[in-house]
N, C-alpha and C. Protein backbone atom coordinates (compact mmCIF):
# COMPACT_ATOMS: atom_id res chain seq x y z
N MET A 1 -16.29 -17.37 -6.28
CA MET A 1 -17.36 -18.34 -6.28
C MET A 1 -17.26 -19.25 -5.05
N ALA A 2 -16.26 -19.12 -4.28
CA ALA A 2 -16.09 -19.94 -3.09
C ALA A 2 -16.93 -19.37 -1.95
N ASP A 3 -17.73 -20.22 -1.34
CA ASP A 3 -18.54 -19.86 -0.18
C ASP A 3 -18.40 -20.99 0.81
N ALA A 4 -17.80 -20.70 1.94
CA ALA A 4 -17.47 -21.74 2.91
C ALA A 4 -18.71 -22.50 3.40
N GLY A 5 -19.87 -21.87 3.39
CA GLY A 5 -21.07 -22.52 3.89
C GLY A 5 -21.87 -23.25 2.83
N PHE A 6 -21.42 -23.20 1.59
CA PHE A 6 -22.18 -23.79 0.50
C PHE A 6 -21.50 -25.07 0.02
N ARG A 7 -22.29 -26.11 -0.25
CA ARG A 7 -21.75 -27.39 -0.71
C ARG A 7 -21.80 -27.47 -2.23
N TRP A 8 -20.70 -27.14 -2.89
CA TRP A 8 -20.61 -27.28 -4.34
C TRP A 8 -20.45 -28.74 -4.69
N LEU A 9 -20.78 -29.08 -5.91
CA LEU A 9 -20.57 -30.45 -6.38
C LEU A 9 -19.07 -30.72 -6.50
N THR A 10 -18.69 -31.92 -6.12
CA THR A 10 -17.30 -32.32 -6.33
C THR A 10 -17.09 -32.53 -7.83
N THR A 11 -15.87 -32.69 -8.22
CA THR A 11 -15.57 -32.95 -9.63
C THR A 11 -16.26 -34.24 -10.08
N GLU A 12 -16.22 -35.26 -9.25
CA GLU A 12 -16.87 -36.53 -9.59
C GLU A 12 -18.39 -36.36 -9.68
N GLU A 13 -18.97 -35.63 -8.74
CA GLU A 13 -20.42 -35.39 -8.77
C GLU A 13 -20.82 -34.57 -10.00
N GLN A 14 -20.04 -33.56 -10.33
CA GLN A 14 -20.33 -32.74 -11.50
C GLN A 14 -20.26 -33.57 -12.78
N THR A 15 -19.26 -34.43 -12.87
CA THR A 15 -19.13 -35.31 -14.03
C THR A 15 -20.32 -36.26 -14.12
N ALA A 16 -20.70 -36.84 -12.97
CA ALA A 16 -21.85 -37.76 -12.94
C ALA A 16 -23.13 -37.02 -13.31
N TRP A 17 -23.32 -35.81 -12.79
CA TRP A 17 -24.52 -35.01 -13.09
C TRP A 17 -24.63 -34.72 -14.58
N ARG A 18 -23.53 -34.29 -15.17
CA ARG A 18 -23.55 -33.97 -16.59
C ARG A 18 -23.76 -35.22 -17.45
N ALA A 19 -23.18 -36.33 -17.05
CA ALA A 19 -23.39 -37.59 -17.78
C ALA A 19 -24.85 -38.02 -17.66
N PHE A 20 -25.43 -37.86 -16.48
CA PHE A 20 -26.84 -38.20 -16.27
C PHE A 20 -27.73 -37.33 -17.16
N LEU A 21 -27.47 -36.03 -17.20
CA LEU A 21 -28.26 -35.13 -18.05
C LEU A 21 -28.15 -35.52 -19.52
N ALA A 22 -26.94 -35.77 -19.96
CA ALA A 22 -26.74 -36.14 -21.37
C ALA A 22 -27.46 -37.45 -21.68
N ALA A 23 -27.34 -38.43 -20.78
CA ALA A 23 -27.97 -39.73 -21.02
C ALA A 23 -29.49 -39.61 -21.05
N THR A 24 -30.07 -38.92 -20.07
CA THR A 24 -31.53 -38.82 -20.03
C THR A 24 -32.07 -38.00 -21.20
N GLN A 25 -31.38 -36.93 -21.55
CA GLN A 25 -31.84 -36.12 -22.68
C GLN A 25 -31.77 -36.91 -23.98
N THR A 26 -30.71 -37.67 -24.17
CA THR A 26 -30.58 -38.50 -25.36
C THR A 26 -31.65 -39.58 -25.38
N LEU A 27 -31.83 -40.26 -24.26
CA LEU A 27 -32.84 -41.32 -24.18
C LEU A 27 -34.24 -40.77 -24.44
N PHE A 28 -34.61 -39.70 -23.77
CA PHE A 28 -35.95 -39.15 -23.93
C PHE A 28 -36.19 -38.62 -25.34
N ALA A 29 -35.20 -37.97 -25.92
CA ALA A 29 -35.36 -37.45 -27.28
C ALA A 29 -35.52 -38.59 -28.28
N THR A 30 -34.76 -39.65 -28.10
CA THR A 30 -34.84 -40.79 -29.01
C THR A 30 -36.18 -41.51 -28.88
N VAL A 31 -36.62 -41.72 -27.65
CA VAL A 31 -37.90 -42.40 -27.41
C VAL A 31 -39.05 -41.54 -27.93
N GLU A 32 -39.01 -40.26 -27.66
CA GLU A 32 -40.06 -39.34 -28.14
C GLU A 32 -40.10 -39.33 -29.66
N GLY A 33 -38.93 -39.25 -30.27
CA GLY A 33 -38.86 -39.23 -31.73
C GLY A 33 -39.42 -40.49 -32.35
N GLN A 34 -39.10 -41.64 -31.77
CA GLN A 34 -39.60 -42.91 -32.30
C GLN A 34 -41.12 -42.98 -32.20
N LEU A 35 -41.68 -42.61 -31.05
CA LEU A 35 -43.13 -42.65 -30.88
C LEU A 35 -43.83 -41.70 -31.84
N GLN A 36 -43.30 -40.50 -31.98
CA GLN A 36 -43.92 -39.52 -32.89
C GLN A 36 -43.84 -40.00 -34.33
N ARG A 37 -42.67 -40.47 -34.73
CA ARG A 37 -42.44 -40.91 -36.12
C ARG A 37 -43.30 -42.12 -36.48
N ASP A 38 -43.29 -43.13 -35.60
CA ASP A 38 -43.95 -44.39 -35.92
C ASP A 38 -45.44 -44.42 -35.60
N SER A 39 -45.86 -43.64 -34.59
CA SER A 39 -47.25 -43.74 -34.14
C SER A 39 -47.98 -42.41 -34.05
N GLY A 40 -47.25 -41.31 -34.17
CA GLY A 40 -47.89 -40.00 -34.03
C GLY A 40 -48.38 -39.72 -32.63
N ILE A 41 -47.74 -40.34 -31.64
CA ILE A 41 -48.16 -40.18 -30.25
C ILE A 41 -47.01 -39.57 -29.45
N PRO A 42 -47.23 -38.43 -28.81
CA PRO A 42 -46.20 -37.91 -27.90
C PRO A 42 -46.02 -38.87 -26.72
N HIS A 43 -44.83 -38.91 -26.17
CA HIS A 43 -44.56 -39.83 -25.07
C HIS A 43 -45.49 -39.59 -23.88
N GLY A 44 -45.81 -38.35 -23.58
CA GLY A 44 -46.72 -38.06 -22.47
C GLY A 44 -48.09 -38.69 -22.68
N TYR A 45 -48.59 -38.66 -23.90
CA TYR A 45 -49.88 -39.28 -24.21
C TYR A 45 -49.77 -40.80 -24.12
N TYR A 46 -48.66 -41.34 -24.61
CA TYR A 46 -48.43 -42.78 -24.53
C TYR A 46 -48.47 -43.23 -23.07
N GLU A 47 -47.82 -42.47 -22.20
CA GLU A 47 -47.78 -42.80 -20.78
C GLU A 47 -49.19 -42.81 -20.18
N ILE A 48 -50.02 -41.86 -20.57
CA ILE A 48 -51.41 -41.83 -20.10
C ILE A 48 -52.15 -43.08 -20.56
N LEU A 49 -51.99 -43.43 -21.83
CA LEU A 49 -52.65 -44.63 -22.36
C LEU A 49 -52.19 -45.89 -21.62
N VAL A 50 -50.89 -45.98 -21.33
CA VAL A 50 -50.36 -47.14 -20.61
C VAL A 50 -50.97 -47.21 -19.22
N ARG A 51 -50.96 -46.09 -18.51
CA ARG A 51 -51.50 -46.08 -17.13
C ARG A 51 -52.96 -46.49 -17.12
N LEU A 52 -53.73 -46.00 -18.08
CA LEU A 52 -55.14 -46.38 -18.15
C LEU A 52 -55.30 -47.86 -18.51
N SER A 53 -54.45 -48.35 -19.41
CA SER A 53 -54.56 -49.76 -19.83
C SER A 53 -54.28 -50.71 -18.67
N GLU A 54 -53.48 -50.28 -17.72
CA GLU A 54 -53.10 -51.12 -16.59
C GLU A 54 -54.09 -51.03 -15.43
N ALA A 55 -55.00 -50.08 -15.46
CA ALA A 55 -55.94 -49.85 -14.36
C ALA A 55 -57.16 -50.77 -14.49
N ASP A 56 -57.77 -51.07 -13.35
CA ASP A 56 -59.02 -51.83 -13.35
C ASP A 56 -60.04 -51.10 -14.20
N GLY A 57 -60.68 -51.83 -15.12
CA GLY A 57 -61.69 -51.23 -15.98
C GLY A 57 -61.12 -50.21 -16.95
N ARG A 58 -59.78 -50.18 -17.07
CA ARG A 58 -59.09 -49.20 -17.94
C ARG A 58 -59.50 -47.77 -17.61
N ALA A 59 -59.71 -47.49 -16.32
CA ALA A 59 -60.17 -46.16 -15.91
C ALA A 59 -59.49 -45.75 -14.60
N LEU A 60 -59.19 -44.45 -14.50
CA LEU A 60 -58.62 -43.87 -13.28
C LEU A 60 -59.23 -42.50 -13.04
N ARG A 61 -59.35 -42.15 -11.77
CA ARG A 61 -59.69 -40.77 -11.44
C ARG A 61 -58.60 -39.87 -12.02
N MET A 62 -58.97 -38.69 -12.41
CA MET A 62 -57.99 -37.77 -12.99
C MET A 62 -56.85 -37.51 -12.02
N SER A 63 -57.15 -37.42 -10.72
CA SER A 63 -56.08 -37.19 -9.74
C SER A 63 -55.11 -38.36 -9.70
N GLN A 64 -55.62 -39.58 -9.77
CA GLN A 64 -54.76 -40.76 -9.78
C GLN A 64 -53.94 -40.82 -11.06
N LEU A 65 -54.55 -40.46 -12.17
CA LEU A 65 -53.85 -40.46 -13.45
C LEU A 65 -52.75 -39.40 -13.46
N ALA A 66 -53.02 -38.24 -12.91
CA ALA A 66 -52.00 -37.19 -12.83
C ALA A 66 -50.81 -37.67 -12.00
N GLU A 67 -51.11 -38.30 -10.87
CA GLU A 67 -50.06 -38.82 -10.00
C GLU A 67 -49.25 -39.90 -10.71
N ALA A 68 -49.95 -40.85 -11.32
CA ALA A 68 -49.28 -41.98 -11.97
C ALA A 68 -48.43 -41.54 -13.16
N SER A 69 -48.90 -40.54 -13.89
CA SER A 69 -48.17 -40.10 -15.08
C SER A 69 -47.28 -38.90 -14.80
N THR A 70 -47.17 -38.51 -13.55
CA THR A 70 -46.37 -37.36 -13.11
C THR A 70 -46.65 -36.13 -13.96
N SER A 71 -47.93 -35.84 -14.15
CA SER A 71 -48.36 -34.66 -14.90
C SER A 71 -49.05 -33.69 -13.97
N SER A 72 -48.94 -32.43 -14.28
CA SER A 72 -49.72 -31.44 -13.55
C SER A 72 -51.18 -31.59 -13.95
N LYS A 73 -52.07 -31.08 -13.13
CA LYS A 73 -53.50 -31.18 -13.42
C LYS A 73 -53.84 -30.53 -14.76
N SER A 74 -53.30 -29.36 -15.01
CA SER A 74 -53.63 -28.66 -16.26
C SER A 74 -53.04 -29.39 -17.47
N ARG A 75 -51.82 -29.89 -17.36
CA ARG A 75 -51.21 -30.61 -18.47
C ARG A 75 -51.98 -31.90 -18.75
N LEU A 76 -52.37 -32.60 -17.70
CA LEU A 76 -53.13 -33.83 -17.87
C LEU A 76 -54.49 -33.54 -18.51
N SER A 77 -55.16 -32.51 -18.04
CA SER A 77 -56.47 -32.16 -18.59
C SER A 77 -56.37 -31.87 -20.09
N HIS A 78 -55.34 -31.13 -20.48
CA HIS A 78 -55.12 -30.81 -21.89
C HIS A 78 -54.85 -32.10 -22.69
N ALA A 79 -54.00 -32.96 -22.15
CA ALA A 79 -53.66 -34.21 -22.85
C ALA A 79 -54.89 -35.10 -22.99
N VAL A 80 -55.69 -35.22 -21.94
CA VAL A 80 -56.89 -36.05 -22.00
C VAL A 80 -57.87 -35.47 -23.02
N ALA A 81 -57.96 -34.16 -23.10
CA ALA A 81 -58.83 -33.54 -24.11
C ALA A 81 -58.37 -33.91 -25.52
N ARG A 82 -57.06 -33.90 -25.77
CA ARG A 82 -56.54 -34.29 -27.09
C ARG A 82 -56.81 -35.77 -27.36
N LEU A 83 -56.67 -36.59 -26.34
CA LEU A 83 -56.93 -38.02 -26.51
C LEU A 83 -58.42 -38.29 -26.71
N GLU A 84 -59.26 -37.46 -26.10
CA GLU A 84 -60.71 -37.56 -26.34
C GLU A 84 -61.03 -37.23 -27.79
N GLU A 85 -60.37 -36.21 -28.34
CA GLU A 85 -60.60 -35.83 -29.73
C GLU A 85 -60.26 -36.98 -30.68
N ARG A 86 -59.27 -37.77 -30.33
CA ARG A 86 -58.88 -38.92 -31.15
C ARG A 86 -59.80 -40.13 -30.92
N GLY A 87 -60.67 -40.03 -29.91
CA GLY A 87 -61.55 -41.14 -29.57
C GLY A 87 -60.86 -42.22 -28.76
N TRP A 88 -59.72 -41.92 -28.16
CA TRP A 88 -58.94 -42.90 -27.43
C TRP A 88 -59.25 -42.93 -25.94
N VAL A 89 -59.77 -41.84 -25.42
CA VAL A 89 -60.10 -41.71 -24.00
C VAL A 89 -61.43 -41.01 -23.90
N GLU A 90 -62.21 -41.38 -22.87
CA GLU A 90 -63.43 -40.63 -22.59
C GLU A 90 -63.38 -40.21 -21.13
N ARG A 91 -63.95 -39.04 -20.87
CA ARG A 91 -63.98 -38.49 -19.53
C ARG A 91 -65.39 -38.70 -18.97
N LEU A 92 -65.46 -39.26 -17.78
CA LEU A 92 -66.74 -39.56 -17.14
C LEU A 92 -66.80 -38.89 -15.77
N ASP A 93 -68.00 -38.64 -15.28
CA ASP A 93 -68.16 -38.16 -13.91
C ASP A 93 -67.82 -39.29 -12.95
N CYS A 94 -67.20 -38.95 -11.84
CA CYS A 94 -66.85 -39.92 -10.82
C CYS A 94 -68.12 -40.30 -10.05
N GLU A 95 -68.40 -41.59 -9.96
CA GLU A 95 -69.61 -42.05 -9.28
C GLU A 95 -69.58 -41.80 -7.78
N THR A 96 -68.39 -41.77 -7.18
CA THR A 96 -68.28 -41.64 -5.73
C THR A 96 -68.00 -40.21 -5.27
N ASP A 97 -67.72 -39.32 -6.20
CA ASP A 97 -67.39 -37.94 -5.83
C ASP A 97 -67.81 -37.02 -6.97
N ARG A 98 -68.83 -36.22 -6.74
CA ARG A 98 -69.36 -35.36 -7.80
C ARG A 98 -68.34 -34.34 -8.30
N ARG A 99 -67.33 -34.04 -7.49
CA ARG A 99 -66.31 -33.07 -7.91
C ARG A 99 -65.28 -33.69 -8.84
N GLY A 100 -65.12 -35.00 -8.78
CA GLY A 100 -64.07 -35.67 -9.53
C GLY A 100 -64.51 -36.16 -10.90
N GLN A 101 -63.52 -36.45 -11.71
CA GLN A 101 -63.76 -37.04 -13.02
C GLN A 101 -62.87 -38.26 -13.19
N VAL A 102 -63.31 -39.14 -14.09
CA VAL A 102 -62.59 -40.36 -14.39
C VAL A 102 -62.23 -40.34 -15.87
N ALA A 103 -61.01 -40.75 -16.19
CA ALA A 103 -60.61 -40.94 -17.59
C ALA A 103 -60.65 -42.44 -17.86
N ARG A 104 -61.27 -42.82 -18.96
CA ARG A 104 -61.38 -44.23 -19.32
C ARG A 104 -60.83 -44.45 -20.73
N LEU A 105 -60.00 -45.46 -20.86
CA LEU A 105 -59.42 -45.82 -22.16
C LEU A 105 -60.49 -46.53 -22.99
N THR A 106 -60.69 -46.06 -24.21
CA THR A 106 -61.66 -46.69 -25.10
C THR A 106 -61.01 -47.87 -25.82
N ASP A 107 -61.82 -48.67 -26.48
CA ASP A 107 -61.28 -49.78 -27.27
C ASP A 107 -60.36 -49.25 -28.37
N GLU A 108 -60.71 -48.10 -28.96
CA GLU A 108 -59.87 -47.50 -30.00
C GLU A 108 -58.52 -47.05 -29.42
N GLY A 109 -58.56 -46.51 -28.20
CA GLY A 109 -57.33 -46.11 -27.54
C GLY A 109 -56.45 -47.29 -27.20
N PHE A 110 -57.08 -48.37 -26.75
CA PHE A 110 -56.32 -49.58 -26.45
C PHE A 110 -55.68 -50.14 -27.72
N ALA A 111 -56.41 -50.10 -28.82
CA ALA A 111 -55.86 -50.58 -30.10
C ALA A 111 -54.68 -49.72 -30.54
N ALA A 112 -54.78 -48.39 -30.36
CA ALA A 112 -53.67 -47.50 -30.73
C ALA A 112 -52.45 -47.79 -29.87
N LEU A 113 -52.67 -48.01 -28.58
CA LEU A 113 -51.57 -48.35 -27.68
C LEU A 113 -50.95 -49.69 -28.07
N ALA A 114 -51.78 -50.68 -28.35
CA ALA A 114 -51.28 -52.00 -28.74
C ALA A 114 -50.46 -51.93 -30.02
N ALA A 115 -50.85 -51.05 -30.94
CA ALA A 115 -50.11 -50.90 -32.19
C ALA A 115 -48.77 -50.19 -31.96
N ALA A 116 -48.73 -49.24 -31.03
CA ALA A 116 -47.51 -48.46 -30.78
C ALA A 116 -46.52 -49.17 -29.87
N ALA A 117 -47.00 -50.02 -29.00
CA ALA A 117 -46.16 -50.60 -27.94
C ALA A 117 -44.96 -51.41 -28.43
N PRO A 118 -45.09 -52.31 -29.39
CA PRO A 118 -43.91 -53.11 -29.76
C PRO A 118 -42.70 -52.29 -30.22
N ALA A 119 -42.92 -51.31 -31.06
CA ALA A 119 -41.80 -50.48 -31.53
C ALA A 119 -41.24 -49.62 -30.40
N HIS A 120 -42.14 -49.14 -29.53
CA HIS A 120 -41.69 -48.33 -28.39
C HIS A 120 -40.84 -49.16 -27.44
N VAL A 121 -41.32 -50.33 -27.09
CA VAL A 121 -40.57 -51.19 -26.17
C VAL A 121 -39.23 -51.58 -26.80
N ASP A 122 -39.22 -51.85 -28.09
CA ASP A 122 -37.97 -52.17 -28.78
C ASP A 122 -36.99 -51.00 -28.68
N GLN A 123 -37.49 -49.78 -28.85
CA GLN A 123 -36.63 -48.60 -28.77
C GLN A 123 -36.06 -48.44 -27.35
N VAL A 124 -36.89 -48.61 -26.34
CA VAL A 124 -36.43 -48.51 -24.95
C VAL A 124 -35.40 -49.61 -24.68
N ARG A 125 -35.67 -50.80 -25.14
CA ARG A 125 -34.74 -51.90 -24.93
C ARG A 125 -33.39 -51.60 -25.59
N ARG A 126 -33.40 -51.16 -26.85
CA ARG A 126 -32.15 -50.89 -27.57
C ARG A 126 -31.38 -49.72 -26.96
N MET A 127 -32.10 -48.67 -26.55
CA MET A 127 -31.44 -47.47 -26.03
C MET A 127 -31.00 -47.59 -24.57
N LEU A 128 -31.63 -48.49 -23.82
CA LEU A 128 -31.31 -48.55 -22.39
C LEU A 128 -30.91 -49.95 -21.95
N PHE A 129 -31.84 -50.86 -21.96
CA PHE A 129 -31.61 -52.15 -21.30
C PHE A 129 -30.59 -53.03 -22.01
N ASP A 130 -30.50 -52.96 -23.32
CA ASP A 130 -29.48 -53.75 -24.02
C ASP A 130 -28.07 -53.24 -23.75
N ARG A 131 -27.95 -52.06 -23.21
CA ARG A 131 -26.64 -51.46 -22.94
C ARG A 131 -26.19 -51.67 -21.50
N LEU A 132 -27.06 -52.26 -20.68
CA LEU A 132 -26.77 -52.44 -19.26
C LEU A 132 -26.67 -53.91 -18.89
N THR A 133 -25.85 -54.18 -17.88
CA THR A 133 -25.81 -55.52 -17.31
C THR A 133 -26.99 -55.68 -16.36
N ASP A 134 -27.25 -56.91 -15.92
CA ASP A 134 -28.32 -57.15 -14.95
C ASP A 134 -28.06 -56.37 -13.67
N ASP A 135 -26.80 -56.31 -13.23
CA ASP A 135 -26.46 -55.55 -12.03
C ASP A 135 -26.73 -54.06 -12.23
N GLN A 136 -26.43 -53.54 -13.41
CA GLN A 136 -26.68 -52.13 -13.68
C GLN A 136 -28.17 -51.82 -13.72
N VAL A 137 -28.98 -52.75 -14.21
CA VAL A 137 -30.44 -52.56 -14.19
C VAL A 137 -30.92 -52.47 -12.75
N ALA A 138 -30.40 -53.34 -11.89
CA ALA A 138 -30.77 -53.29 -10.47
C ALA A 138 -30.32 -51.97 -9.84
N GLN A 139 -29.13 -51.50 -10.20
CA GLN A 139 -28.63 -50.22 -9.70
C GLN A 139 -29.49 -49.06 -10.21
N LEU A 140 -29.88 -49.13 -11.48
CA LEU A 140 -30.74 -48.09 -12.05
C LEU A 140 -32.05 -48.01 -11.29
N LEU A 141 -32.63 -49.16 -10.98
CA LEU A 141 -33.87 -49.18 -10.21
C LEU A 141 -33.65 -48.58 -8.82
N ALA A 142 -32.59 -48.97 -8.15
CA ALA A 142 -32.32 -48.46 -6.81
C ALA A 142 -32.08 -46.95 -6.83
N ILE A 143 -31.29 -46.48 -7.78
CA ILE A 143 -30.99 -45.05 -7.88
C ILE A 143 -32.26 -44.27 -8.22
N SER A 144 -33.01 -44.74 -9.19
CA SER A 144 -34.24 -44.05 -9.59
C SER A 144 -35.24 -44.00 -8.45
N SER A 145 -35.36 -45.09 -7.70
CA SER A 145 -36.28 -45.13 -6.57
C SER A 145 -35.85 -44.15 -5.48
N ALA A 146 -34.55 -44.09 -5.22
CA ALA A 146 -34.04 -43.18 -4.19
C ALA A 146 -34.28 -41.72 -4.58
N VAL A 147 -34.05 -41.40 -5.85
CA VAL A 147 -34.24 -40.03 -6.31
C VAL A 147 -35.72 -39.65 -6.25
N SER A 148 -36.60 -40.51 -6.76
CA SER A 148 -38.02 -40.15 -6.77
C SER A 148 -38.63 -40.18 -5.38
N ALA A 149 -38.11 -40.99 -4.46
CA ALA A 149 -38.64 -41.02 -3.09
C ALA A 149 -38.36 -39.71 -2.36
N GLY A 150 -37.31 -39.03 -2.74
CA GLY A 150 -36.95 -37.79 -2.08
C GLY A 150 -37.52 -36.56 -2.75
N ALA A 151 -38.33 -36.75 -3.80
CA ALA A 151 -38.86 -35.62 -4.55
C ALA A 151 -39.98 -34.93 -3.76
N PRO A 152 -39.86 -33.63 -3.52
CA PRO A 152 -40.93 -32.90 -2.84
C PRO A 152 -42.08 -32.61 -3.79
N LEU A 153 -43.20 -32.19 -3.23
CA LEU A 153 -44.32 -31.73 -4.04
C LEU A 153 -43.82 -30.56 -4.88
N ASP A 154 -44.01 -30.64 -6.19
CA ASP A 154 -43.51 -29.56 -7.04
C ASP A 154 -44.49 -28.39 -7.07
N PRO A 155 -44.04 -27.22 -7.52
CA PRO A 155 -44.90 -26.03 -7.53
C PRO A 155 -46.17 -26.19 -8.37
N ALA A 156 -46.16 -27.10 -9.33
CA ALA A 156 -47.35 -27.29 -10.18
C ALA A 156 -48.38 -28.18 -9.50
N GLY A 157 -48.06 -28.71 -8.31
CA GLY A 157 -49.02 -29.49 -7.57
C GLY A 157 -49.00 -30.97 -7.85
N VAL A 158 -47.92 -31.49 -8.41
CA VAL A 158 -47.85 -32.91 -8.71
C VAL A 158 -47.13 -33.61 -7.58
N CYS A 159 -47.77 -34.62 -7.02
CA CYS A 159 -47.18 -35.40 -5.94
C CYS A 159 -46.39 -36.56 -6.51
N PRO A 160 -45.25 -36.89 -5.93
CA PRO A 160 -44.62 -38.15 -6.31
C PRO A 160 -45.59 -39.28 -6.01
N ALA A 161 -45.50 -40.35 -6.75
CA ALA A 161 -46.50 -41.43 -6.71
C ALA A 161 -46.80 -41.94 -5.31
N SER A 162 -45.82 -42.05 -4.45
CA SER A 162 -46.06 -42.67 -3.15
C SER A 162 -46.39 -41.67 -2.05
N SER A 163 -46.45 -40.37 -2.35
CA SER A 163 -46.59 -39.42 -1.25
C SER A 163 -47.89 -38.63 -1.25
N CYS A 164 -48.79 -38.84 -2.20
CA CYS A 164 -50.05 -38.10 -2.20
C CYS A 164 -51.00 -38.66 -1.16
N ASP A 165 -51.54 -37.79 -0.34
CA ASP A 165 -52.59 -38.23 0.56
C ASP A 165 -53.94 -37.86 -0.05
N GLU A 166 -55.01 -38.22 0.60
CA GLU A 166 -56.35 -38.00 0.05
C GLU A 166 -56.62 -36.52 -0.19
N ASP A 167 -56.17 -35.63 0.73
CA ASP A 167 -56.41 -34.20 0.54
C ASP A 167 -55.73 -33.70 -0.72
N SER A 168 -54.49 -34.16 -0.96
CA SER A 168 -53.77 -33.73 -2.17
C SER A 168 -54.48 -34.24 -3.41
N GLN A 169 -54.98 -35.47 -3.36
CA GLN A 169 -55.69 -36.02 -4.52
C GLN A 169 -56.96 -35.24 -4.79
N ASP A 170 -57.69 -34.86 -3.73
CA ASP A 170 -58.92 -34.09 -3.91
C ASP A 170 -58.61 -32.75 -4.55
N GLU A 171 -57.49 -32.12 -4.17
CA GLU A 171 -57.12 -30.84 -4.78
C GLU A 171 -56.86 -31.03 -6.27
N LEU A 172 -56.24 -32.13 -6.65
CA LEU A 172 -55.97 -32.37 -8.07
C LEU A 172 -57.25 -32.64 -8.83
N ASP A 173 -58.22 -33.30 -8.20
CA ASP A 173 -59.50 -33.59 -8.87
C ASP A 173 -60.29 -32.32 -9.10
N GLY A 174 -60.09 -31.34 -8.19
CA GLY A 174 -60.74 -30.05 -8.23
C GLY A 174 -61.84 -29.90 -9.10
């Protein structure tokens, strides 16, 4: 398994990698379970509702929503369709681009988000932030920012939040 030209992980890096995987898998499974159990909302749908709630007019172009929620176009389209069925989101034609669409959070969707948010935030706080010092929270932000800043465009066509240009967004709006 030794290859002089290949950079294997050091023992410390391998330990850190495995600890990171275990921590993120535990955190995500716990957060997902809490949202599903208490609100019947998958975390991916919750993230879409949050992003829309924070946007001007509670609406975003589908390309912007895909970027913000780190979803592929097809996954986002499917999720928005499910949220439309619940009456939480509506899809509208984009006024400035006939090819694009806009997702808008309805009052019912905002109410569902408002009902789910306190327990979700409590779960995130208990599982993550209550276990870290202020310095560790700052380190988590720095590490997370460094990792996501170096993320290339993935094969599914999702751009990291800060790297999509207009052409990439137009492709996602398709």
